[in-house]
Each structure stands twice: as structure tokens, then as C-alpha cells.
Amino acid sequence: MGRFLATGGARMTDGRTAFPSSDGTVFLTDGGLETTLRFLRGIDLPCFAAFPLLLNDDGRRELASYFEPYIRTAQERKVGFILDTPTWRANPDWGAKLGYSTQAIADINRQAVAWAKALRDENAEGEAPIVINGAIGPRGDGYRPGDLMTAEQAQDYHSIQVNAFRDARVDMVTAVTMNYAEEAIGVANAAQAAGIPVVISFTVETDGRLASGETLQSAIERTDHATGSAPVYYMINCAHPTHFESVLSGNDAWIQRLGGVRANASTKSHAELDEATELDPGDPVDLGRRYRGLRERIGTLSVLGGCCGTDHRHIAAICDACLPA
């Protein structure tokens, strides 16, 4: 499972590949869910958690209205779409801060998959496959490593969320904003034990290194070595391309393991974004050009989306640059 699922992977009923694959089929994602809800829609998100919106009709409608334009764009462009569950914060530690028990968090993760499947059914038009992806965030802060776990501790911790996704029959899981290798290894091993395809997405600082100080190359290579290349592919998210373009030179094997990018809109550092009281939308057109440059350099990049500060305008600009009509 350690390379793109060109054959033998999950497929649609008509035989079309339902995962990003080595044939170059493009899949879009959404943009920055939490930043859009908070800064553009004025929705209060304690602990920056979107999953509580699943628990009432108004919240579910907000989530649906957020995702639907992205799904339509994928359908119009005749490319796939990876539909994330809004569960980046839906793990035991963040759940406890919001008053949810571990059992309640497991239930919410299962509900999240059911909600995403219903949204897929409501928007199942055209030829583009929609993949349900269980989104897994870090145990701590996405910008800081915090209290580090061993790979074994991370596997045990994240198995709660992974197993809930398995029970709900999710298509795949992705660990995003991973900022040290041991946590990524733990998630990958948990998913492998549960029999679910897994993607690992690291975030980097302005120097292209993880917050732990480790290089992106080392993090990917160590994760592959420790898991038998379990991740289907790797991604970079929650950083602007100017922060990591310089470390993606050459044609090394670890670079070819990169399958996607979900960049921030802003060129600011994580520390600066943490202090910001207003959203920095950056330059969507420039962001699209940088995606095109990355794809020209790295042929395996087929998952294109956004992270903090990005919205539908940014995804449209990325499409205009990378998927000409």
C-alpha cells in the first residue's frame, strides 16, 4: 500500500479509481474549514473545533453550505473530490477540553462519516468520484509539537479515532498538520492495523523544517521505514509554498512520495498567524501559479487543496493555473 493506488485500490462501481493514483488523476479538496467558518462566517469555534457543528441541524447546514461549492467545482472540472470529515479536533484531549467524553468523541467521529456520506449522496452528479476522508489532527497544537509521544503511544492514542472511522466504513484517513515523525508513525500504524488506507500530511515552518526541527525528508523517510511504507502518499499542509519550495529540489525518492499540497493563503509564519485577529487571504492567483510550479517539478502531486486562510476563491485560482479548460 506504500505507493499510489494505481491498481487494486478502492474503486467506484464503474471501475474508476476512487483514490489519487499514479495515473495522474487530480483530486481537489476544500480550503481552510475552520478559518472560513470563524473569520468569514462569524461562527464561534471554541478550541478551533468544527466537529460540534455536527450535533445540530443548523451546524450541519453550515457545514454542507461550506463544502458544496468545492464539490461543484470538482464536478465542473471533471476531477475527483476528497471530502473531509470536520474532525481535525475530534480526539480525546481536545474533546475533553470541550466537555466530551472519549466515548462521545468516538460516536461523533462515526457520525461525521455518516454525515459526509449523506452529503456525497446529495451531490453525486457527474463523473467525478467523491472520497470520504476521515480527518485526523495532532494530539496537541498543530503549530507546536508540545508533549511528544513515542510511536507506540501515538498509535494507542489515535486508534480511538481511527477505529471509529473503521467502524463507520470510511474510505481513507489523513493525518494533517503532523509536526513530528513519531506521531505520524503512530497514526499510520493505527490505520494499517485497522485496514484503512492512510495519508500523512506534515506541516513545516518558514525554513521548510518541521516544528520539531526535523527535515521533511527525514520525517517522510523515517515514517516509511517504521511503517513499511504504509502511507499511500504524503502531503504538505498548513504552510505557504514559499516556506517549502526550496526543499523540494531534485528527484529523490522521498520527494516522489509527495502526492498533494494544502497550502496556507498567507506567507506569514505560524507564530504571526497565531497572533492575527484578521484573516490574511494572501494572493490567490500567485498561490495558483506556485501550485502549477510545484506540479511541473513534482509529477506525483495530484491532490490540490487549501488550508488556513484559503476559501473557494483560492481553489478556483489553483484550478485555473493547474487545470486549464
Protein backbone atom coordinates (compact mmCIF):
# COMPACT_ATOMS: atom_id res chain seq x y z
CA MET A 1 0.00 0.00 0.00
CA GLY A 2 3.03 2.24 0.05
CA ARG A 3 2.54 3.75 -3.42
CA PHE A 4 -0.38 5.37 -5.17
CA LEU A 5 -3.27 3.01 -5.64
CA ALA A 6 -2.95 2.53 -9.38
CA THR A 7 -4.41 -0.96 -9.23
CA GLY A 8 -6.18 -2.97 -6.62
CA GLY A 9 -7.32 0.05 -4.62
CA ALA A 10 -10.79 1.24 -3.83
CA ARG A 11 -12.77 1.86 -6.99
CA MET A 12 -16.10 3.27 -8.00
CA THR A 13 -18.77 0.83 -9.18
CA ASP A 14 -18.00 1.67 -12.82
CA GLY A 15 -14.31 0.89 -12.35
CA ARG A 16 -12.98 4.44 -11.99
CA THR A 17 -10.25 4.86 -9.44
CA ALA A 18 -11.65 6.35 -6.23
CA PHE A 19 -8.30 7.39 -4.80
CA PRO A 20 -5.48 9.54 -6.11
CA SER A 21 -3.40 7.22 -8.26
CA SER A 22 -0.24 7.08 -10.27
CA ASP A 23 -2.18 7.77 -13.47
CA GLY A 24 -2.19 11.46 -12.55
CA THR A 25 -5.92 11.82 -11.93
CA VAL A 26 -6.45 15.06 -9.99
CA PHE A 27 -8.46 15.29 -6.79
CA LEU A 28 -9.46 18.58 -5.19
CA THR A 29 -10.05 19.21 -1.51
CA ASP A 30 -11.72 22.10 0.29
CA GLY A 31 -9.87 25.08 1.72
CA GLY A 32 -9.48 26.21 5.30
CA LEU A 33 -12.64 24.97 7.00
CA GLU A 34 -12.07 26.41 10.45
CA THR A 35 -10.70 29.77 9.29
CA THR A 36 -13.59 30.21 6.87
CA LEU A 37 -16.21 29.39 9.49
CA ARG A 38 -14.65 31.63 12.10
CA PHE A 39 -13.40 34.63 10.16
CA LEU A 40 -15.67 34.73 7.10
CA ARG A 41 -18.89 33.33 8.53
CA GLY A 42 -18.56 34.59 12.09
CA ILE A 43 -19.17 31.21 13.73
CA ASP A 44 -17.70 30.72 17.19
CA LEU A 45 -15.39 27.70 17.26
CA PRO A 46 -14.10 27.05 20.79
CA CYS A 47 -10.67 25.40 20.58
CA PHE A 48 -10.95 25.92 16.80
CA ALA A 49 -13.08 22.76 16.67
CA ALA A 50 -15.66 22.31 13.91
CA PHE A 51 -16.96 18.89 14.95
CA PRO A 52 -19.59 20.23 17.43
CA LEU A 53 -21.45 21.63 14.41
CA LEU A 54 -22.38 18.05 13.54
CA LEU A 55 -24.60 17.84 16.60
CA ASN A 56 -27.43 20.13 15.46
CA ASP A 57 -29.32 20.88 12.27
CA ASP A 58 -28.05 24.45 11.91
CA GLY A 59 -24.45 23.31 12.27
CA ARG A 60 -24.85 20.56 9.70
CA ARG A 61 -26.38 23.03 7.26
CA GLU A 62 -23.43 25.38 7.76
CA LEU A 63 -21.01 22.57 7.02
CA ALA A 64 -22.94 21.47 3.94
CA SER A 65 -23.09 25.02 2.55
CA TYR A 66 -19.34 25.30 3.12
CA PHE A 67 -18.44 22.11 1.22
CA GLU A 68 -20.94 22.26 -1.64
CA PRO A 69 -19.15 24.94 -3.74
CA TYR A 70 -15.95 22.90 -3.62
CA ILE A 71 -17.78 19.77 -4.71
CA ARG A 72 -19.39 21.67 -7.59
CA THR A 73 -16.00 22.94 -8.71
CA ALA A 74 -14.64 19.39 -8.83
CA GLN A 75 -17.66 18.28 -10.83
CA GLU A 76 -17.33 21.18 -13.26
CA ARG A 77 -13.63 20.42 -13.74
CA LYS A 78 -14.36 16.68 -14.03
CA VAL A 79 -11.87 15.77 -11.31
CA GLY A 80 -12.25 13.87 -8.06
CA PHE A 81 -13.01 15.37 -4.68
CA ILE A 82 -11.76 14.32 -1.25
CA LEU A 83 -14.49 15.13 1.26
CA ASP A 84 -13.02 15.55 4.74
CA THR A 85 -14.94 14.85 7.90
CA PRO A 86 -14.84 18.00 10.12
CA THR A 87 -12.92 16.08 12.79
CA TRP A 88 -9.48 17.69 12.96
CA ARG A 89 -10.05 18.35 16.68
CA ALA A 90 -12.19 15.26 17.38
CA ASN A 91 -9.70 13.37 19.53
CA PRO A 92 -9.85 12.63 23.28
CA ASP A 93 -7.68 15.52 24.53
CA TRP A 94 -9.38 18.27 22.55
CA GLY A 95 -12.75 16.66 23.17
CA ALA A 96 -12.15 16.73 26.93
CA LYS A 97 -11.38 20.45 26.76
CA LEU A 98 -14.80 20.92 25.20
CA GLY A 99 -16.59 18.66 27.68
CA TYR A 100 -16.87 15.45 25.63
CA SER A 101 -16.01 12.01 26.95
CA THR A 102 -13.82 9.63 24.97
CA GLN A 103 -16.91 7.56 24.12
CA ALA A 104 -18.74 10.67 22.93
CA ILE A 105 -15.79 11.58 20.72
CA ALA A 106 -15.78 8.11 19.16
CA ASP A 107 -19.52 8.45 18.49
CA ILE A 108 -19.03 11.88 16.91
CA ASN A 109 -16.36 10.54 14.57
CA ARG A 110 -18.76 7.83 13.41
CA GLN A 111 -21.49 10.44 12.96
CA ALA A 112 -19.08 12.55 10.94
CA VAL A 113 -18.58 9.76 8.41
CA ALA A 114 -22.32 9.17 8.14
CA TRP A 115 -22.87 12.91 7.59
CA ALA A 116 -20.18 13.05 4.89
CA LYS A 117 -21.67 10.03 3.10
CA ALA A 118 -25.09 11.68 3.11
CA LEU A 119 -23.58 14.87 1.67
CA ARG A 120 -21.85 12.79 -1.00
CA ASP A 121 -25.15 11.13 -1.91
CA GLU A 122 -26.85 14.52 -2.18
CA ASN A 123 -24.14 15.77 -4.54
CA ALA A 124 -23.43 12.62 -6.54
CA GLU A 125 -23.63 14.15 -10.01
CA GLY A 126 -21.37 13.81 -12.99
CA GLU A 127 -18.35 11.56 -13.37
CA ALA A 128 -16.15 12.83 -10.55
CA PRO A 129 -15.66 10.40 -7.63
CA ILE A 130 -16.10 11.75 -4.10
CA VAL A 131 -13.93 10.04 -1.50
CA ILE A 132 -14.85 10.18 2.20
CA ASN A 133 -11.73 11.01 4.18
CA GLY A 134 -11.50 10.78 7.97
CA ALA A 135 -9.53 13.85 9.05
CA ILE A 136 -7.17 13.31 11.99
CA GLY A 137 -5.40 16.17 13.70
CA PRO A 138 -2.50 16.19 16.14
CA ARG A 139 -2.98 15.42 19.81
CA GLY A 140 -1.61 18.84 20.67
CA ASP A 141 -1.34 22.11 18.81
CA GLY A 142 -0.89 21.98 15.06
CA TYR A 143 1.85 24.61 15.21
CA ARG A 144 3.86 23.25 18.15
CA PRO A 145 4.95 19.69 18.99
CA GLY A 146 4.09 20.08 22.70
CA ASP A 147 4.38 16.89 24.77
CA LEU A 148 5.95 14.35 22.45
CA MET A 149 4.69 10.77 22.25
CA THR A 150 6.53 7.68 21.19
CA ALA A 151 5.23 6.00 18.05
CA GLU A 152 3.64 3.31 20.23
CA GLN A 153 1.89 5.89 22.42
CA ALA A 154 0.68 7.74 19.33
CA GLN A 155 -0.72 4.54 17.83
CA ASP A 156 -2.61 3.77 21.02
CA TYR A 157 -3.93 7.33 21.30
CA HIS A 158 -5.06 7.78 17.70
CA SER A 159 -6.54 4.27 17.45
CA ILE A 160 -9.66 5.61 19.17
CA GLN A 161 -10.42 7.90 16.25
CA VAL A 162 -9.10 5.54 13.58
CA ASN A 163 -11.21 2.64 14.84
CA ALA A 164 -14.31 4.84 14.92
CA PHE A 165 -13.67 5.68 11.28
CA ARG A 166 -13.20 2.00 10.50
CA ASP A 167 -16.50 1.13 12.16
CA ALA A 168 -18.24 3.78 10.05
CA ARG A 169 -16.60 2.38 6.87
CA VAL A 170 -14.68 5.47 5.87
CA ASP A 171 -12.82 5.34 2.53
CA MET A 172 -9.48 6.61 3.85
CA VAL A 173 -7.94 8.65 6.66
CA THR A 174 -5.48 11.54 6.58
CA ALA A 175 -3.41 12.81 9.47
CA VAL A 176 -2.91 16.54 8.90
CA THR A 177 -0.64 19.16 10.48
CA MET A 178 1.68 16.46 11.78
CA ASN A 179 4.74 18.19 13.21
CA TYR A 180 6.91 15.30 14.37
CA ALA A 181 7.54 11.89 12.88
CA GLU A 182 6.62 9.69 15.87
CA GLU A 183 3.02 10.89 15.89
CA ALA A 184 2.77 10.34 12.15
CA ILE A 185 4.18 6.83 12.54
CA GLY A 186 1.63 6.09 15.25
CA VAL A 187 -1.30 7.21 13.08
CA ALA A 188 -0.02 5.22 10.11
CA ASN A 189 0.36 2.09 12.22
CA ALA A 190 -3.10 2.55 13.74
CA ALA A 191 -4.65 2.85 10.29
CA GLN A 192 -2.68 -0.10 8.99
CA ALA A 193 -3.90 -2.22 11.91
CA ALA A 194 -7.47 -1.13 11.15
CA GLY A 195 -7.11 -1.92 7.45
CA ILE A 196 -7.73 1.66 6.27
CA PRO A 197 -5.68 3.47 3.59
CA VAL A 198 -3.78 6.28 5.28
CA VAL A 199 -2.19 9.54 4.15
CA ILE A 200 0.25 11.58 6.23
CA SER A 201 0.45 15.35 5.85
CA PHE A 202 3.28 17.22 7.55
CA THR A 203 3.37 20.94 8.27
CA VAL A 204 6.58 22.94 8.15
CA GLU A 205 7.89 26.26 9.37
CA THR A 206 9.21 29.08 7.17
CA ASP A 207 12.56 27.26 6.84
CA GLY A 208 10.92 24.12 5.40
CA ARG A 209 11.56 22.09 8.55
CA LEU A 210 9.00 20.60 10.91
CA ALA A 211 8.41 22.45 14.16
CA SER A 212 10.45 19.74 15.87
CA GLY A 213 13.45 20.83 13.78
CA GLU A 214 13.44 17.65 11.70
CA THR A 215 13.71 17.94 7.94
CA LEU A 216 10.77 16.96 5.78
CA GLN A 217 12.96 14.39 4.08
CA SER A 218 13.85 12.75 7.39
CA ALA A 219 10.24 12.72 8.58
CA ILE A 220 8.99 11.03 5.42
CA GLU A 221 11.85 8.55 5.25
CA ARG A 222 11.56 7.63 8.95
CA THR A 223 7.80 7.17 8.66
CA ASP A 224 8.19 4.95 5.63
CA HIS A 225 10.92 2.91 7.32
CA ALA A 226 8.98 2.44 10.54
CA THR A 227 5.68 1.52 8.86
CA GLY A 228 6.80 -0.49 5.85
CA SER A 229 5.78 2.44 3.61
CA ALA A 230 2.20 2.23 4.90
CA PRO A 231 1.07 5.73 3.81
CA VAL A 232 -0.48 5.73 0.36
CA TYR A 233 1.22 9.08 -0.15
CA TYR A 234 2.37 12.13 1.82
CA MET A 235 1.23 15.73 1.75
CA ILE A 236 2.30 19.14 3.00
CA ASN A 237 -0.33 21.34 4.59
CA CYS A 238 -0.71 24.49 6.72
CA ALA A 239 2.32 26.28 5.23
CA HIS A 240 2.72 28.64 2.28
CA PRO A 241 4.64 27.31 -0.75
CA THR A 242 7.36 29.91 -0.15
CA HIS A 243 8.13 28.06 3.07
CA PHE A 244 8.88 24.70 1.46
CA GLU A 245 9.58 25.19 -2.27
CA SER A 246 13.33 25.35 -1.66
CA VAL A 247 13.49 21.90 -0.01
CA LEU A 248 11.71 20.17 -2.90
CA SER A 249 14.54 20.23 -5.41
CA GLY A 250 15.82 17.20 -7.23
CA ASN A 251 14.17 13.88 -7.98
CA ASP A 252 14.87 11.97 -4.77
CA ALA A 253 12.64 9.06 -3.86
CA TRP A 254 11.21 10.82 -0.81
CA ILE A 255 10.02 13.75 -2.95
CA GLN A 256 8.21 11.33 -5.25
CA ARG A 257 6.24 10.12 -2.22
CA LEU A 258 4.51 13.52 -2.09
CA GLY A 259 1.01 13.28 -3.52
CA GLY A 260 -0.60 16.56 -2.57
CA VAL A 261 -0.44 20.06 -1.13
CA ARG A 262 -2.89 22.01 1.01
CA ALA A 263 -1.12 25.32 1.49
CA ASN A 264 -1.96 28.34 3.62
CA ALA A 265 -3.08 31.53 1.90
CA SER A 266 -0.68 33.70 3.88
CA THR A 267 3.09 33.84 3.72
CA LYS A 268 3.16 34.65 7.45
CA SER A 269 4.78 32.33 9.96
CA HIS A 270 2.73 30.19 12.29
CA ALA A 271 3.66 32.50 15.18
CA GLU A 272 2.35 35.50 13.25
CA LEU A 273 -0.85 33.69 12.29
CA ASP A 274 -1.41 32.71 15.92
CA GLU A 275 -1.43 36.39 16.88
CA ALA A 276 -3.58 37.56 13.97
CA THR A 277 -7.05 38.94 14.65
CA GLU A 278 -7.98 39.19 10.97
CA LEU A 279 -7.73 36.69 8.14
CA ASP A 280 -4.89 37.18 5.65
CA PRO A 281 -6.20 35.89 2.28
CA GLY A 282 -2.86 36.32 0.55
CA ASP A 283 -2.84 36.35 -3.26
CA PRO A 284 -4.98 33.54 -4.75
CA VAL A 285 -3.57 33.99 -8.26
CA ASP A 286 0.01 33.82 -7.05
CA LEU A 287 -0.87 30.76 -4.98
CA GLY A 288 -2.26 29.06 -8.07
CA ARG A 289 0.92 29.81 -10.01
CA ARG A 290 3.02 28.32 -7.23
CA TYR A 291 0.92 25.15 -7.29
CA ARG A 292 1.48 24.91 -11.02
CA GLY A 293 5.21 25.27 -10.49
CA LEU A 294 5.20 22.54 -7.87
CA ARG A 295 3.25 20.20 -10.16
CA GLU A 296 5.66 20.86 -13.02
CA ARG A 297 8.52 19.97 -10.70
CA ILE A 298 6.89 17.01 -8.91
CA GLY A 299 4.83 14.82 -11.20
CA THR A 300 3.19 12.91 -8.35
CA LEU A 301 1.27 15.92 -6.98
CA SER A 302 -2.36 15.15 -7.77
CA VAL A 303 -4.23 16.27 -4.63
CA LEU A 304 -4.77 20.04 -4.68
CA GLY A 305 -6.45 21.99 -1.90
CA GLY A 306 -6.06 24.66 0.71
CA CYS A 307 -5.54 25.17 4.41
CA CYS A 308 -5.68 28.19 6.74
CA GLY A 309 -6.97 31.36 5.12
CA THR A 310 -7.97 29.73 1.84
CA ASP A 311 -11.51 29.62 0.57
CA HIS A 312 -13.28 28.81 -2.67
CA ARG A 313 -11.51 31.68 -4.48
CA HIS A 314 -8.14 30.07 -3.84
CA ILE A 315 -9.24 26.64 -5.04
CA ALA A 316 -10.67 28.23 -8.19
CA ALA A 317 -7.35 30.02 -8.81
CA ILE A 318 -5.45 26.76 -8.28
CA CYS A 319 -7.74 25.08 -10.81
CA ASP A 320 -7.25 27.91 -13.31
CA ALA A 321 -3.48 27.54 -13.03
CA CYS A 322 -3.25 23.75 -12.92
CA LEU A 323 -6.32 22.55 -14.82
CA PRO A 324 -6.71 24.75 -17.88
CA ALA A 325 -10.06 24.38 -19.63
